[in-house]
Protein backbone atom coordinates (compact mmCIF):
# COMPACT_ATOMS: atom_id res chain seq x y z
CA UNK A 1 -139.37 80.12 131.25
CA UNK A 2 -141.54 81.25 128.24
CA UNK A 3 -140.79 80.94 124.62
CA UNK A 4 -143.98 82.69 123.30
CA UNK A 5 -142.09 85.33 121.26
CA UNK A 6 -139.82 82.72 119.68
CA UNK A 7 -142.83 80.54 118.80
CA UNK A 8 -144.68 83.33 117.12
CA UNK A 9 -141.83 83.74 114.58
CA UNK A 10 -143.24 80.46 112.95
CA UNK A 11 -146.94 80.85 112.01
CA UNK A 12 -147.46 77.11 112.16
CA UNK A 13 -147.46 77.06 116.02
CA UNK A 14 -150.50 79.49 116.03
CA UNK A 15 -152.24 77.31 113.48
CA UNK A 16 -151.77 74.17 115.70
CA UNK A 17 -153.02 76.14 118.66
CA UNK A 18 -156.19 77.16 116.86
CA UNK A 19 -156.66 73.55 115.75
CA UNK A 20 -156.24 72.34 119.22
CA UNK A 21 -158.68 74.85 120.61
CA UNK A 22 -161.29 73.81 118.17
CA UNK A 23 -160.91 70.21 119.29
CA UNK A 24 -160.54 71.08 122.98
CA UNK A 25 -157.23 69.19 123.13
CA UNK A 26 -154.27 70.11 125.37
CA UNK A 27 -151.24 70.34 122.96
CA UNK A 28 -147.47 70.63 123.44
CA UNK A 29 -144.28 70.59 121.37
CA UNK A 30 -141.87 67.99 122.83
CA UNK A 31 -138.51 66.42 122.30
CA UNK A 32 -135.73 67.45 119.92
CA UNK A 33 -137.17 70.75 118.63
CA UNK A 34 -137.59 72.11 122.21
CA UNK A 35 -133.93 70.93 122.88
CA UNK A 36 -132.59 72.67 119.81
CA UNK A 37 -134.67 75.77 120.25
CA UNK A 38 -132.95 76.21 123.67
CA UNK A 39 -129.44 75.43 122.19
CA UNK A 40 -130.19 77.75 119.17
CA UNK A 41 -129.61 74.89 116.81
CA UNK A 42 -131.57 74.73 113.55
CA UNK A 43 -134.29 72.06 113.53
CA UNK A 44 -136.80 71.31 110.80
CA UNK A 45 -138.58 68.44 112.66
CA UNK A 46 -141.39 69.32 115.04
CA UNK A 47 -143.11 66.72 117.35
CA UNK A 48 -146.47 67.66 118.62
CA UNK A 49 -148.07 65.76 121.47
CA UNK A 50 -151.72 66.24 122.40
CA UNK A 51 -154.02 64.69 125.12
CA UNK A 52 -156.31 62.83 122.77
CA UNK A 53 -156.07 61.81 119.09
CA UNK A 54 -153.01 63.08 117.34
CA UNK A 55 -154.31 62.02 113.93
CA UNK A 56 -157.51 64.18 114.31
CA UNK A 57 -155.29 67.19 115.40
CA UNK A 58 -153.11 66.76 112.28
CA UNK A 59 -156.13 66.72 110.07
CA UNK A 60 -157.54 69.74 111.64
CA UNK A 61 -154.31 71.57 111.34
CA UNK A 62 -153.91 70.66 107.68
CA UNK A 63 -157.50 71.91 107.05
CA UNK A 64 -156.60 75.39 108.63
CA UNK A 65 -153.46 75.67 106.65
CA UNK A 66 -155.17 74.87 103.41
CA UNK A 67 -158.13 77.22 104.09
CA UNK A 68 -156.10 80.23 105.38
CA UNK A 69 -152.65 80.19 103.80
CA UNK A 70 -151.28 80.01 100.19
CA UNK A 71 -149.71 76.62 101.14
CA UNK A 72 -151.35 73.26 100.54
CA UNK A 73 -150.47 70.20 102.68
CA UNK A 74 -151.68 66.67 103.03
CA UNK A 75 -151.65 64.41 106.21
CA UNK A 76 -149.93 61.10 106.06
CA UNK A 77 -151.31 58.69 108.64
CA UNK A 78 -149.58 55.89 110.28
CA UNK A 79 -152.47 53.98 111.89
CA UNK A 80 -150.23 51.14 113.36
CA UNK A 81 -148.36 53.85 115.35
CA UNK A 82 -151.25 56.18 116.00
CA UNK A 83 -149.25 59.10 114.45
CA UNK A 84 -149.77 61.45 111.50
CA UNK A 85 -147.37 63.74 109.78
CA UNK A 86 -147.71 66.77 107.46
CA UNK A 87 -145.23 69.19 105.82
CA UNK A 88 -145.55 72.96 105.99
CA UNK A 89 -142.99 75.08 104.20
CA UNK A 90 -139.62 73.47 105.30
CA UNK A 91 -140.96 71.95 108.38
CA UNK A 92 -141.92 68.23 108.92
CA UNK A 93 -144.53 68.11 111.70
CA UNK A 94 -145.49 64.75 113.47
CA UNK A 95 -148.57 64.52 115.63
CA UNK A 96 -149.20 61.88 118.31
CA UNK A 97 -151.45 61.39 121.28
CA UNK A 98 -149.82 61.33 124.73
CA UNK A 99 -148.84 57.80 125.63
CA UNK A 100 -147.53 55.63 128.32
CA UNK A 101 -145.51 52.47 127.60
CA UNK A 102 -144.58 49.14 129.14
CA UNK A 103 -142.04 46.74 127.75
CA UNK A 104 -141.31 43.03 127.54
CA UNK A 105 -137.71 41.69 127.99
CA UNK A 106 -137.71 40.10 124.46
CA UNK A 107 -138.62 43.09 122.43
CA UNK A 108 -137.91 46.95 122.33
CA UNK A 109 -141.44 47.53 120.96
CA UNK A 110 -143.69 48.71 123.83
CA UNK A 111 -147.29 48.08 124.63
CA UNK A 112 -148.77 51.49 124.32
CA UNK A 113 -151.90 53.10 126.01
CA UNK A 114 -153.31 56.60 126.19
CA UNK A 115 -151.64 58.79 128.82
CA UNK A 116 -151.02 62.18 130.28
CA UNK A 117 -148.22 64.76 129.29
CA UNK A 118 -146.41 63.43 132.36
CA UNK A 119 -146.66 59.82 131.16
CA UNK A 120 -145.29 60.96 127.74
CA UNK A 121 -142.40 62.83 129.36
CA UNK A 122 -141.60 59.83 131.52
CA UNK A 123 -141.16 57.68 128.46
CA UNK A 124 -138.63 59.94 126.82
CA UNK A 125 -134.98 58.68 126.44
CA UNK A 126 -133.11 61.65 127.94
CA UNK A 127 -133.90 64.69 130.08
CA UNK A 128 -132.80 67.07 127.39
CA UNK A 129 -135.48 65.39 125.16
CA UNK A 130 -138.22 65.31 127.72
CA UNK A 131 -139.00 69.06 127.82
CA UNK A 132 -142.30 70.32 126.42
CA UNK A 133 -143.53 73.70 125.43
CA UNK A 134 -147.30 74.53 125.78
CA UNK A 135 -149.28 75.41 122.66
CA UNK A 136 -152.33 76.06 124.84
CA UNK A 137 -153.85 79.47 124.86
CA UNK A 138 -153.78 79.93 128.61
CA UNK A 139 -149.93 79.32 128.86
CA UNK A 140 -148.79 79.39 125.28
CA UNK A 141 -144.81 79.18 125.15
CA UNK A 142 -144.43 78.03 128.78
CA UNK A 143 -141.69 75.39 129.24
CA UNK A 144 -142.47 72.18 131.12
CA UNK A 145 -139.29 70.69 132.31
CA UNK A 146 -139.87 68.02 135.00
CA UNK A 147 -136.48 66.37 134.83
CA UNK A 148 -134.12 69.38 134.90
CA UNK A 149 -133.42 69.26 131.21
CA UNK A 150 -132.51 72.88 131.04
CA UNK A 151 -129.85 72.36 133.83
CA UNK A 152 -128.43 69.40 132.00
CA UNK A 153 -128.26 71.40 128.68
CA UNK A 154 -126.26 74.08 130.64
CA UNK A 155 -123.99 71.40 132.23
CA UNK A 156 -123.77 69.58 128.78
CA UNK A 157 -124.91 66.34 130.39
CA UNK A 158 -126.80 63.29 129.03
CA UNK A 159 -129.10 61.86 131.79
CA UNK A 160 -132.06 59.50 131.63
CA UNK A 161 -135.29 60.87 133.14
CA UNK A 162 -135.93 57.61 135.06
CA UNK A 163 -133.71 54.75 136.33
CA UNK A 164 -131.10 54.42 133.49
CA UNK A 165 -131.09 50.55 133.90
CA UNK A 166 -134.81 50.32 133.22
CA UNK A 167 -134.48 52.91 130.49
CA UNK A 168 -131.83 50.98 128.61
CA UNK A 169 -133.19 47.52 129.32
CA UNK A 170 -136.64 48.55 128.02
CA UNK A 171 -135.24 49.96 124.82
CA UNK A 172 -131.41 49.13 124.27
CA UNK A 173 -131.22 51.45 121.20
CA UNK A 174 -131.28 54.34 123.72
CA UNK A 175 -127.72 53.22 124.66
CA UNK A 176 -126.55 54.08 121.17
CA UNK A 177 -128.71 57.22 121.16
CA UNK A 178 -126.96 58.43 124.37
CA UNK A 179 -123.58 58.10 122.73
CA UNK A 180 -124.76 59.63 119.45
CA UNK A 181 -126.28 62.65 121.29
CA UNK A 182 -123.09 62.98 123.35
CA UNK A 183 -120.99 62.85 120.07
CA UNK A 184 -123.25 65.21 118.18
CA UNK A 185 -123.55 67.79 121.02
CA UNK A 186 -120.08 67.12 122.54
CA UNK A 187 -121.81 66.40 125.94
CA UNK A 188 -120.71 64.14 128.76
CA UNK A 189 -122.81 61.16 129.83
CA UNK A 190 -123.66 61.18 133.44
CA UNK A 191 -121.58 58.59 135.37
CA UNK A 192 -124.67 56.54 136.58
CA UNK A 193 -126.11 56.66 133.05
CA UNK A 194 -122.84 55.51 131.48
CA UNK A 195 -122.55 52.63 134.01
CA UNK A 196 -126.04 51.52 133.08
CA UNK A 197 -124.85 51.29 129.50
CA UNK A 198 -122.02 49.00 130.55
CA UNK A 199 -124.51 46.91 132.53
CA UNK A 200 -127.00 46.46 129.73
CA UNK A 201 -124.65 46.09 126.84
CA UNK A 202 -125.85 42.55 126.07
CA UNK A 203 -129.35 43.89 125.48
CA UNK A 204 -128.29 45.54 122.24
CA UNK A 205 -128.71 42.09 120.72
CA UNK A 206 -132.52 42.58 120.44
CA UNK A 207 -132.07 45.76 118.36
CA UNK A 208 -132.29 45.47 114.51
CA UNK A 209 -129.18 46.03 112.57
CA UNK A 210 -130.83 48.74 110.55
CA UNK A 211 -131.56 50.82 113.65
CA UNK A 212 -128.04 50.14 115.01
CA UNK A 213 -126.37 51.20 111.75
CA UNK A 214 -128.62 54.34 111.58
CA UNK A 215 -127.20 55.52 114.88
CA UNK A 216 -123.60 54.48 114.03
CA UNK A 217 -123.77 56.64 110.79
CA UNK A 218 -125.02 59.56 112.79
CA UNK A 219 -122.05 59.16 115.11
CA UNK A 220 -119.74 58.89 112.10
CA UNK A 221 -121.20 62.25 110.86
CA UNK A 222 -120.54 63.94 114.11
CA UNK A 223 -118.17 67.04 114.09
CA UNK A 224 -115.61 64.94 115.93
CA UNK A 225 -116.66 61.34 115.50
CA UNK A 226 -113.71 59.96 117.51
CA UNK A 227 -115.44 61.07 120.62
CA UNK A 228 -118.44 58.78 119.95
CA UNK A 229 -116.28 55.85 119.04
CA UNK A 230 -114.28 56.17 122.33
CA UNK A 231 -117.51 56.15 124.17
CA UNK A 232 -118.66 53.11 122.22
CA UNK A 233 -115.32 51.42 123.00
CA UNK A 234 -115.38 52.17 126.79
CA UNK A 235 -119.10 51.18 127.00
CA UNK A 236 -118.31 47.77 125.55
CA UNK A 237 -120.85 48.46 122.68
CA UNK A 238 -118.24 48.62 119.83
CA UNK A 239 -117.33 44.94 120.58
CA UNK A 240 -120.88 43.93 120.04
CA UNK A 241 -121.83 46.00 117.04
CA UNK A 242 -118.55 46.34 115.15
CA UNK A 243 -115.94 43.82 116.45
CA UNK A 244 -113.67 44.30 113.52
CA UNK A 245 -113.02 47.88 114.70
CA UNK A 246 -112.56 46.78 118.24
CA UNK A 247 -109.94 44.36 117.10
CA UNK A 248 -107.74 47.32 115.98
CA UNK A 249 -107.21 48.33 119.72
CA UNK A 250 -104.06 47.36 121.41
CA UNK A 251 -100.24 47.51 121.21
CA UNK A 252 -97.95 44.51 121.00
CA UNK A 253 -94.34 44.69 121.99
CA UNK A 254 -91.59 42.12 121.10
CA UNK A 255 -87.86 42.74 121.73
CA UNK A 256 -88.60 46.24 122.65
CA UNK A 257 -90.32 46.92 119.46
CA UNK A 258 -93.98 48.14 119.39
CA UNK A 259 -96.52 49.01 116.65
CA UNK A 260 -98.92 52.01 117.02
CA UNK A 261 -102.44 51.37 118.38
CA UNK A 262 -104.33 51.15 115.16
CA UNK A 263 -107.77 51.85 116.83
CA UNK A 264 -106.68 55.24 117.99
CA UNK A 265 -104.79 55.82 114.80
CA UNK A 266 -108.03 55.15 112.82
CA UNK A 267 -109.94 57.59 114.98
CA UNK A 268 -107.43 60.32 114.31
CA UNK A 269 -107.62 59.61 110.64
CA UNK A 270 -111.40 59.73 110.87
CA UNK A 271 -111.30 63.14 112.69
CA UNK A 272 -108.78 64.45 110.06
CA UNK A 273 -111.28 63.46 107.23
CA UNK A 274 -114.21 65.01 109.24
CA UNK A 275 -112.36 68.37 109.18
CA UNK A 276 -112.37 68.46 105.40
CA UNK A 277 -115.40 66.54 104.34
CA UNK A 278 -119.00 65.66 105.37
CA UNK A 279 -119.10 62.76 102.96
CA UNK A 280 -120.34 59.74 105.00
CA UNK A 281 -118.61 57.21 102.69
CA UNK A 282 -115.26 58.96 102.74
CA UNK A 283 -115.48 58.87 106.50
CA UNK A 284 -116.26 55.03 106.28
CA UNK A 285 -113.20 54.70 104.07
CA UNK A 286 -111.19 56.25 106.92
CA UNK A 287 -112.72 53.87 109.40
CA UNK A 288 -111.87 50.78 107.17
CA UNK A 289 -108.58 51.74 105.73
CA UNK A 290 -106.54 49.76 108.21
CA UNK A 291 -109.34 47.28 109.08
CA UNK A 292 -107.16 44.29 108.00
CA UNK A 293 -104.13 45.19 110.04
CA UNK A 294 -104.92 42.66 112.75
CA UNK A 295 -105.19 39.91 110.29
CA UNK A 296 -101.95 40.82 108.54
CA UNK A 297 -99.78 41.73 111.56
CA UNK A 298 -96.50 39.97 111.64
CA UNK A 299 -93.24 40.45 113.59
CA UNK A 300 -89.93 40.38 111.88
CA UNK A 301 -86.74 40.47 114.09
CA UNK A 302 -85.12 42.82 111.58
CA UNK A 303 -88.06 44.91 110.26
CA UNK A 304 -90.11 44.87 113.39
CA UNK A 305 -93.93 44.76 112.98
CA UNK A 306 -95.29 44.66 109.46
CA UNK A 307 -98.83 44.69 107.99
CA UNK A 308 -98.06 43.57 104.40
CA UNK A 309 -100.97 43.45 102.06
CA UNK A 310 -103.32 44.91 104.60
CA UNK A 311 -104.74 47.20 101.95
CA UNK A 312 -105.72 44.40 99.64
CA UNK A 313 -107.09 42.16 102.38
CA UNK A 314 -108.94 45.23 103.78
CA UNK A 315 -110.54 45.88 100.44
CA UNK A 316 -111.74 42.26 100.34
CA UNK A 317 -113.30 42.57 103.72
CA UNK A 318 -115.34 45.62 102.89
CA UNK A 319 -118.21 43.88 101.16
CA UNK A 320 -118.79 41.45 104.01
CA UNK A 321 -118.65 44.26 106.61
CA UNK A 322 -121.12 46.41 104.55
CA UNK A 323 -123.36 43.34 104.27
CA UNK A 324 -123.30 42.55 108.00
CA UNK A 325 -123.94 46.26 108.97
CA UNK A 326 -126.76 46.46 106.29
CA UNK A 327 -124.92 49.27 104.50
CA UNK A 328 -125.64 49.70 100.81
CA UNK A 329 -124.00 47.17 98.59
CA UNK A 330 -123.88 49.57 95.55
CA UNK A 331 -121.46 52.26 94.27
CA UNK A 332 -120.96 53.56 97.77
CA UNK A 333 -119.46 50.27 98.98
CA UNK A 334 -117.32 50.14 95.70
CA UNK A 335 -116.16 53.55 96.48
CA UNK A 336 -115.08 52.68 99.98
CA UNK A 337 -113.44 49.43 98.74
CA UNK A 338 -111.46 51.39 96.14
CA UNK A 339 -110.09 53.81 98.65
CA UNK A 340 -109.17 51.07 101.13
CA UNK A 341 -107.31 49.27 98.39
CA UNK A 342 -105.56 52.31 96.96
CA UNK A 343 -104.80 54.26 100.17
CA UNK A 344 -101.08 53.43 100.30
CA UNK A 345 -100.39 54.05 96.64
CA UNK A 346 -99.95 57.84 96.75
CA UNK A 347 -97.47 57.59 99.58
CA UNK A 348 -95.34 55.43 97.26
CA UNK A 349 -95.30 58.34 94.74
CA UNK A 350 -93.61 61.02 96.94
CA UNK A 351 -90.15 60.23 95.42
CA UNK A 352 -89.03 62.87 92.96
CA UNK A 353 -87.97 60.23 90.43
CA UNK A 354 -91.37 58.62 90.35
CA UNK A 355 -92.42 57.71 86.71
CA UNK A 356 -95.20 59.06 84.76
CA UNK A 357 -96.40 55.47 84.29
CA UNK A 358 -96.94 55.11 88.13
CA UNK A 359 -98.98 58.35 88.15
CA UNK A 360 -100.93 57.13 85.18
CA UNK A 361 -101.76 53.93 86.76
CA UNK A 362 -102.98 55.57 89.89
CA UNK A 363 -105.15 58.01 87.87
CA UNK A 364 -106.60 55.21 85.87
CA UNK A 365 -107.47 53.04 88.98
CA UNK A 366 -108.77 55.93 91.02
CA UNK A 367 -110.68 57.63 88.29
CA UNK A 368 -113.03 60.29 89.46
CA UNK A 369 -112.36 59.41 93.12
CA UNK A 370 -108.76 60.70 93.16
CA UNK A 371 -109.51 63.82 95.07
CA UNK A 372 -111.29 61.66 97.70
CA UNK A 373 -108.33 59.42 97.82
CA UNK A 374 -105.86 62.12 98.37
CA UNK A 375 -107.95 63.52 101.17
CA UNK A 376 -107.86 60.11 102.80
CA UNK A 377 -104.04 59.86 102.36
CA UNK A 378 -103.41 63.37 103.78
CA UNK A 379 -105.68 62.34 106.68
CA UNK A 380 -103.67 59.19 107.19
CA UNK A 381 -100.53 61.22 108.21
CA UNK A 382 -100.86 61.23 111.98
CA UNK A 383 -97.35 61.22 113.31
CA UNK A 384 -96.81 63.48 116.52
CA UNK A 385 -93.72 64.86 114.80
CA UNK A 386 -94.92 68.13 113.23
CA UNK A 387 -91.99 68.33 110.91
CA UNK A 388 -92.60 64.75 109.67
CA UNK A 389 -96.29 65.49 109.00
CA UNK A 390 -95.37 68.82 107.18
CA UNK A 391 -92.74 67.03 105.12
CA UNK A 392 -95.28 64.35 103.96
CA UNK A 393 -97.96 66.86 103.11
CA UNK A 394 -95.51 68.83 101.01
CA UNK A 395 -94.57 65.69 99.20
CA UNK A 396 -98.31 65.10 98.54
CA UNK A 397 -98.50 68.70 97.09
CA UNK A 398 -95.71 67.57 94.65
CA UNK A 399 -97.64 64.37 93.71
CA UNK A 400 -100.85 66.28 93.06
CA UNK A 401 -99.09 68.84 90.89
CA UNK A 402 -97.50 65.81 88.82
CA UNK A 403 -101.07 64.12 88.68
CA UNK A 404 -102.38 67.43 87.28
CA UNK A 405 -99.55 67.61 84.67
CA UNK A 406 -100.19 63.87 83.61
CA UNK A 407 -103.87 64.26 83.60
CA UNK A 408 -103.80 67.38 81.41
CA UNK A 409 -101.56 65.55 78.94
CA UNK A 410 -103.04 62.05 78.93
CA UNK A 411 -106.77 62.50 80.01
CA UNK A 412 -106.75 59.28 82.07
CA UNK A 413 -109.88 59.85 84.15
CA UNK A 414 -112.56 57.43 83.06
CA UNK A 415 -109.94 56.08 80.73
CA UNK A 416 -111.24 53.90 77.90
CA UNK A 417 -108.59 52.55 75.38
CA UNK A 418 -109.17 53.83 71.82
CA UNK A 419 -109.36 50.15 70.65
CA UNK A 420 -112.32 48.15 71.98
CA UNK A 421 -112.76 44.37 72.14
CA UNK A 422 -115.21 44.73 69.29
CA UNK A 423 -112.41 46.30 67.09
CA UNK A 424 -110.12 43.38 67.93
CA UNK A 425 -112.69 40.77 66.98
CA UNK A 426 -113.62 42.45 63.69
CA UNK A 427 -109.97 43.04 62.71
CA UNK A 428 -108.88 39.42 63.33
CA UNK A 429 -112.20 37.67 62.72
CA UNK A 430 -112.39 36.38 66.38
CA UNK A 431 -115.21 35.51 68.60
CA UNK A 432 -115.35 36.54 72.32
CA UNK A 433 -112.43 34.69 73.86
CA UNK A 434 -109.54 35.00 76.17
CA UNK A 435 -107.14 36.06 73.36
CA UNK A 436 -109.33 39.14 72.78
CA UNK A 437 -109.03 40.13 76.46
CA UNK A 438 -105.25 39.51 76.30
CA UNK A 439 -104.80 41.84 73.32
CA UNK A 440 -106.96 44.54 74.95
CA UNK A 441 -104.95 44.33 78.20
CA UNK A 442 -101.63 44.56 76.29
CA UNK A 443 -102.93 47.79 74.54
CA UNK A 444 -104.09 49.26 77.85
CA UNK A 445 -100.75 48.47 79.58
CA UNK A 446 -98.89 50.00 76.72
CA UNK A 447 -100.76 53.15 77.03
CA UNK A 448 -100.44 53.40 80.88
CA UNK A 449 -96.59 52.67 80.47
CA UNK A 450 -96.31 55.47 77.94
CA UNK A 451 -95.17 53.30 75.05
CA UNK A 452 -97.98 54.47 72.79
CA UNK A 453 -100.63 57.32 73.24
CA UNK A 454 -104.30 56.60 73.57
CA UNK A 455 -105.13 57.63 69.96
CA UNK A 456 -106.86 55.30 67.67
CA UNK A 457 -104.31 55.31 64.81
CA UNK A 458 -101.35 54.47 67.16
CA UNK A 459 -103.22 51.96 69.16
CA UNK A 460 -104.56 50.28 65.99
CA UNK A 461 -101.04 49.83 64.62
CA UNK A 462 -99.94 48.44 68.00
CA UNK A 463 -102.85 46.02 67.97
CA UNK A 464 -101.72 44.71 64.52
CA UNK A 465 -98.25 44.21 65.91
CA UNK A 466 -99.57 42.18 68.89
CA UNK A 467 -101.72 40.10 66.67
CA UNK A 468 -98.81 39.32 64.45
CA UNK A 469 -96.85 38.08 67.44
CA UNK A 470 -99.72 35.80 68.17
CA UNK A 471 -100.01 34.43 64.66
CA UNK A 472 -103.05 36.46 63.78
CA UNK A 473 -103.80 38.22 60.52
CA UNK A 474 -106.38 40.82 59.65
CA UNK A 475 -109.43 39.50 57.83
CA UNK A 476 -110.80 41.05 54.65
């Protein structure tokens, strides 16, 4: 199979070929770019392997680009890894010399030595990533596929080139990568390969948390992330890398009363969110919205199973989970925490008699994240009863219309009371103290309850009334 005409659509491959000729180096494209070219998927990352020094080839390629095209590029060298990288237009191209690797049981970092193209293909994780295309003049564009990668692409199958037990034991991160590729491409994992993941699951302990989380995030960003999580669960990996989520699985029954399986419910919510948003952090909110249900689960003979307060406890669990998974502890974490805490609130507002005050409070607490919260709440309706789901979604339509009306009237997003703590201190001659905070809170609550509007004159008069009740008098 030859891809010459396809490669010639991108002038950079001809440039790399000229550079390789000048250096008398055999050169090939390998890995993900080849796979995606065959799958007709867009790819901006190009991995180039040469028999010799990849850094020298990168430098020669850059020199030709700079001399013969309007573009200017510079080579970034990673000496410790023996690799180099340059950017050309929208492509990022990495160069490396062909290698063979050997591993120690205590580390996933291999001992590397120079090798042949065959050695380099042998060390690849999966057959679909072990294909190469020649950039050599004699057979430019020719596919080199020693492990039936094309056949496995057609069969939508993830298979390791060599013994999967050795592949996964050498580098346990490949277990997560197998599931990630299966999830992204919606491929199956070959039975022998999947069995090897089960066998080597304990080896994941030598992989850094950062690399684990990077793969987990890619699974979460899959078109249907539940598929990847089911594979993680059945492989036994989720129990190792994210035990809080594994704890959601299972159904208890007492006196003939059962609760739903919160693991599979969470996956359905995640898929529902994935249909409407590519936002990684909204997807994390879907994953964590019921994370505290195992800790709050109680059985009441009258009410059946309850999970009272799971939204508050779940919100308190979010920072520790983010810290353990090495996720960012910034506004992204606070966004997820907010949505976990508030995810039940809109459901309570579906009643036609709900007050403007309740709407105001939700708008105040959600702020600019109200649309994301409503996306999560809609995704959380997972009943198999279509009429029930339709009824809930129609009720949410009503809630959103009422929110729009209240927001238009009261402007509560990023709400700031017209009276500040500084105003209170200056008016009554106070220093920073608890009483200042109390007065400010009473003003805010009065505005949210609709007793006064958020206008300075009205709020100021209300502040004086509060002060009078506390025995305070204006100074000056």
